[in-house]
Amino acid sequence: GLQHGLQLLWNAESLGVNRTLSSLPWVLARLSVSEPDAIHAAFVEAILQLRVALQIPQDLYMLWWSASMLSVQSPCLSADLTKQTIPQISRFESKQLVLLAWG
């Protein structure tokens, strides 16, 4: 369950595997976490990362998907994701664009 999934994420970090922009939100979404504080903290961290560095389409897509699955309603997140997604839209795979459009 949740503890096992999070433990795997932390173990990967301790082995030197860098966590990406979407790692924690994706894990929370895949495990159907409903803890508001955990979700909030993960997306605050993601917003900070969006604001300091250009992200790859895969991470942007996974963050959009995670926010949708966790019902995250954040104008800041949406604005920051849109700001990075629009200029890179041609780099997204067709499947990703369809899934994003469906929410």
Protein backbone atom coordinates (compact mmCIF):
# COMPACT_ATOMS: atom_id res chain seq x y z
CA GLY A 1 0.00 0.00 0.00
CA LEU A 2 0.90 3.57 0.66
CA GLN A 3 3.75 2.93 3.09
CA HIS A 4 5.38 0.45 0.72
CA GLY A 5 5.14 2.83 -2.24
CA LEU A 6 6.59 5.75 -0.30
CA GLN A 7 9.33 3.53 1.13
CA LEU A 8 10.36 2.53 -2.40
CA LEU A 9 10.55 6.21 -3.36
CA TRP A 10 12.71 7.09 -0.34
CA ASN A 11 14.95 4.03 -0.93
CA ALA A 12 15.54 5.09 -4.51
CA GLU A 13 16.58 8.56 -3.33
CA SER A 14 19.00 7.10 -0.76
CA LEU A 15 20.61 5.08 -3.59
CA GLY A 16 21.25 8.28 -5.52
CA VAL A 17 18.28 8.11 -7.89
CA ASN A 18 17.11 11.69 -8.30
CA ARG A 19 13.44 12.38 -7.77
CA THR A 20 11.85 14.17 -10.70
CA LEU A 21 9.26 16.92 -10.68
CA SER A 22 6.44 14.39 -10.91
CA SER A 23 7.78 11.51 -8.79
CA LEU A 24 6.02 12.20 -5.51
CA PRO A 25 2.73 13.45 -7.00
CA TRP A 26 2.68 10.42 -9.32
CA VAL A 27 3.25 7.98 -6.43
CA LEU A 28 0.49 9.65 -4.41
CA ALA A 29 -1.89 9.45 -7.39
CA ARG A 30 -1.04 5.82 -8.21
CA LEU A 31 -1.62 4.85 -4.57
CA SER A 32 -4.86 6.88 -4.43
CA VAL A 33 -3.68 8.83 -1.43
CA SER A 34 -6.36 11.07 0.04
CA GLU A 35 -4.33 12.74 2.80
CA PRO A 36 -4.69 16.50 2.07
CA ASP A 37 -1.44 17.50 3.82
CA ALA A 38 0.65 15.01 1.83
CA ILE A 39 -0.97 16.05 -1.44
CA HIS A 40 -0.56 19.75 -0.66
CA ALA A 41 3.12 19.35 0.27
CA ALA A 42 3.88 17.36 -2.89
CA PHE A 43 2.30 19.94 -5.16
CA VAL A 44 3.85 22.93 -3.37
CA GLU A 45 7.22 21.30 -4.01
CA ALA A 46 6.27 20.71 -7.65
CA ILE A 47 5.25 24.36 -8.12
CA LEU A 48 8.61 25.48 -6.73
CA GLN A 49 10.43 23.17 -9.16
CA LEU A 50 8.34 24.44 -12.08
CA ARG A 51 9.34 27.99 -11.26
CA VAL A 52 13.10 27.38 -11.20
CA ALA A 53 13.76 25.03 -14.12
CA LEU A 54 12.44 23.97 -17.50
CA GLN A 55 10.88 20.52 -17.22
CA ILE A 56 10.67 17.75 -19.79
CA PRO A 57 7.29 16.90 -21.37
CA GLN A 58 7.10 13.50 -19.63
CA ASP A 59 7.30 15.14 -16.19
CA LEU A 60 4.83 17.85 -17.17
CA TYR A 61 2.38 15.24 -18.43
CA MET A 62 2.75 13.11 -15.31
CA LEU A 63 2.21 16.16 -13.09
CA TRP A 64 -0.93 17.15 -15.04
CA TRP A 65 -2.20 13.57 -14.73
CA SER A 66 -1.39 13.34 -11.01
CA ALA A 67 -3.13 16.63 -10.28
CA SER A 68 -6.20 15.41 -12.15
CA MET A 69 -6.27 12.04 -10.37
CA LEU A 70 -5.89 13.70 -6.96
CA SER A 71 -8.43 16.47 -7.75
CA VAL A 72 -5.86 19.18 -7.09
CA GLN A 73 -7.40 22.60 -7.71
CA SER A 74 -4.58 25.13 -7.83
CA PRO A 75 -4.56 28.18 -10.11
CA CYS A 76 -0.82 28.57 -9.47
CA LEU A 77 -0.12 24.98 -10.50
CA SER A 78 -2.28 25.29 -13.61
CA ALA A 79 -0.64 28.55 -14.63
CA ASP A 80 2.91 27.27 -14.09
CA LEU A 81 2.20 23.99 -15.88
CA THR A 82 0.57 25.80 -18.79
CA LYS A 83 3.50 28.20 -19.04
CA GLN A 84 5.87 25.26 -19.57
CA THR A 85 3.53 23.02 -21.56
CA ILE A 86 2.44 25.39 -24.35
CA PRO A 87 5.94 26.13 -25.72
CA GLN A 88 6.74 22.39 -25.70
CA ILE A 89 3.40 21.07 -26.98
CA SER A 90 4.98 19.63 -30.14
CA ARG A 91 7.27 17.48 -27.97
CA PHE A 92 4.37 15.68 -26.28
CA GLU A 93 3.25 12.30 -27.56
CA SER A 94 -0.22 12.11 -29.11
CA LYS A 95 -1.38 9.73 -26.37
CA GLN A 96 -0.30 12.19 -23.69
CA LEU A 97 -2.18 15.03 -25.36
CA VAL A 98 -5.36 12.96 -25.62
CA LEU A 99 -5.18 11.95 -21.96
CA LEU A 100 -4.50 15.53 -20.91
CA ALA A 101 -7.48 16.75 -22.89
CA TRP A 102 -9.72 14.18 -21.19
CA GLY A 103 -8.46 15.25 -17.75
